[in-house]
């Protein structure tokens, strides 16, 4: 999952070297914390959060295929 979020984010931003994904495992879910350059924040979030929602949807679908629960937080 971490690699998927990293790949999606790097494809969207102007500064892919500033993309970092931190994986935090909880009891039932995995939280992926995505951090990007402040200049690229708008590109990752999108208008009215549409791109962020799309990233979360793709990751949840991939996680469901593996039987896991994953949430993506943009820092």
C-alpha atoms as a PDB file:
ATOM      1  CA  UNK A   1       0.000   0.000   0.000  1.00  0.00           C
ATOM      2  CA  UNK A   2       2.795   2.390   0.896  1.00  0.00           C
ATOM      3  CA  UNK A   3       4.381   2.008  -2.536  1.00  0.00           C
ATOM      4  CA  UNK A   4       1.033   2.618  -4.245  1.00  0.00           C
ATOM      5  CA  UNK A   5       0.441   5.913  -2.419  1.00  0.00           C
ATOM      6  CA  UNK A   6       4.020   6.973  -3.074  1.00  0.00           C
ATOM      7  CA  UNK A   7       3.703   6.193  -6.791  1.00  0.00           C
ATOM      8  CA  UNK A   8       0.397   8.057  -7.133  1.00  0.00           C
ATOM      9  CA  UNK A   9       1.687  11.118  -5.288  1.00  0.00           C
ATOM     10  CA  UNK A  10       4.971  11.262  -7.206  1.00  0.00           C
ATOM     11  CA  UNK A  11       3.011  11.139 -10.462  1.00  0.00           C
ATOM     12  CA  UNK A  12       1.034  14.227  -9.468  1.00  0.00           C
ATOM     13  CA  UNK A  13       3.614  16.613  -8.012  1.00  0.00           C
ATOM     14  CA  UNK A  14       6.383  18.847  -9.395  1.00  0.00           C
ATOM     15  CA  UNK A  15       8.862  17.857  -6.654  1.00  0.00           C
ATOM     16  CA  UNK A  16       8.703  14.030  -6.416  1.00  0.00           C
ATOM     17  CA  UNK A  17      11.826  13.948  -4.241  1.00  0.00           C
ATOM     18  CA  UNK A  18       9.824  15.634  -1.443  1.00  0.00           C
ATOM     19  CA  UNK A  19       7.143  12.915  -1.345  1.00  0.00           C
ATOM     20  CA  UNK A  20       7.315  10.822   1.825  1.00  0.00           C
ATOM     21  CA  UNK A  21       4.905   8.150   3.034  1.00  0.00           C
ATOM     22  CA  UNK A  22       4.980   6.957   6.638  1.00  0.00           C
ATOM     23  CA  UNK A  23       3.157   3.773   7.578  1.00  0.00           C
ATOM     24  CA  UNK A  24       1.603   3.558  11.059  1.00  0.00           C
ATOM     25  CA  UNK A  25       0.033   0.260  12.041  1.00  0.00           C
ATOM     26  CA  UNK A  26      -2.861   0.336  14.466  1.00  0.00           C
ATOM     27  CA  UNK A  27      -4.865  -2.499  15.968  1.00  0.00           C
ATOM     28  CA  UNK A  28      -7.232  -2.895  13.045  1.00  0.00           C
ATOM     29  CA  UNK A  29      -6.101  -0.406  10.421  1.00  0.00           C
ATOM     30  CA  UNK A  30      -2.988   0.850   8.716  1.00  0.00           C
ATOM     31  CA  UNK A  31      -2.611   4.616   8.473  1.00  0.00           C
ATOM     32  CA  UNK A  32      -0.522   5.986   5.630  1.00  0.00           C
ATOM     33  CA  UNK A  33       0.693   9.521   6.271  1.00  0.00           C
ATOM     34  CA  UNK A  34       1.512  11.331   3.044  1.00  0.00           C
ATOM     35  CA  UNK A  35       3.669  14.443   3.145  1.00  0.00           C
ATOM     36  CA  UNK A  36       4.600  16.519   0.112  1.00  0.00           C
ATOM     37  CA  UNK A  37       6.246  19.855  -0.583  1.00  0.00           C
ATOM     38  CA  UNK A  38       4.044  22.818   0.476  1.00  0.00           C
ATOM     39  CA  UNK A  39       4.025  23.972  -3.157  1.00  0.00           C
ATOM     40  CA  UNK A  40       2.541  20.637  -4.264  1.00  0.00           C
ATOM     41  CA  UNK A  41      -0.122  20.385  -1.562  1.00  0.00           C
ATOM     42  CA  UNK A  42      -2.850  21.719  -3.869  1.00  0.00           C
ATOM     43  CA  UNK A  43      -2.024  19.183  -6.555  1.00  0.00           C
ATOM     44  CA  UNK A  44      -2.374  16.281  -4.143  1.00  0.00           C
ATOM     45  CA  UNK A  45      -5.600  17.559  -2.583  1.00  0.00           C
ATOM     46  CA  UNK A  46      -7.244  18.882  -5.753  1.00  0.00           C
ATOM     47  CA  UNK A  47     -10.305  21.067  -6.098  1.00  0.00           C
ATOM     48  CA  UNK A  48     -12.708  20.357  -3.244  1.00  0.00           C
ATOM     49  CA  UNK A  49     -10.524  17.385  -2.260  1.00  0.00           C
ATOM     50  CA  UNK A  50     -11.354  15.342  -5.342  1.00  0.00           C
ATOM     51  CA  UNK A  51      -7.832  14.042  -6.002  1.00  0.00           C
ATOM     52  CA  UNK A  52      -7.298  13.186  -2.328  1.00  0.00           C
ATOM     53  CA  UNK A  53     -10.611  11.314  -2.341  1.00  0.00           C
ATOM     54  CA  UNK A  54      -9.598   9.446  -5.503  1.00  0.00           C
ATOM     55  CA  UNK A  55      -6.265   8.417  -3.945  1.00  0.00           C
ATOM     56  CA  UNK A  56      -8.095   7.163  -0.855  1.00  0.00           C
ATOM     57  CA  UNK A  57     -10.581   5.225  -3.007  1.00  0.00           C
ATOM     58  CA  UNK A  58      -7.836   3.476  -4.992  1.00  0.00           C
ATOM     59  CA  UNK A  59      -5.921   2.578  -1.825  1.00  0.00           C
ATOM     60  CA  UNK A  60      -9.045   1.286  -0.060  1.00  0.00           C
ATOM     61  CA  UNK A  61      -9.877  -0.892  -3.063  1.00  0.00           C
ATOM     62  CA  UNK A  62      -6.363  -2.345  -3.133  1.00  0.00           C
ATOM     63  CA  UNK A  63      -6.463  -2.897   0.634  1.00  0.00           C
ATOM     64  CA  UNK A  64      -9.854  -4.599   0.468  1.00  0.00           C
ATOM     65  CA  UNK A  65      -8.422  -7.010  -2.073  1.00  0.00           C
ATOM     66  CA  UNK A  66      -5.839  -8.001   0.539  1.00  0.00           C
ATOM     67  CA  UNK A  67      -8.377  -8.015   3.385  1.00  0.00           C
ATOM     68  CA  UNK A  68      -6.951  -4.985   5.185  1.00  0.00           C
ATOM     69  CA  UNK A  69      -8.263  -1.572   6.212  1.00  0.00           C
ATOM     70  CA  UNK A  70      -6.116   1.369   5.200  1.00  0.00           C
ATOM     71  CA  UNK A  71      -6.635   5.091   5.575  1.00  0.00           C
ATOM     72  CA  UNK A  72      -4.603   7.854   3.919  1.00  0.00           C
ATOM     73  CA  UNK A  73      -3.860  11.108   5.754  1.00  0.00           C
ATOM     74  CA  UNK A  74      -2.307  14.055   3.995  1.00  0.00           C
ATOM     75  CA  UNK A  75      -0.050  16.001   6.347  1.00  0.00           C
END
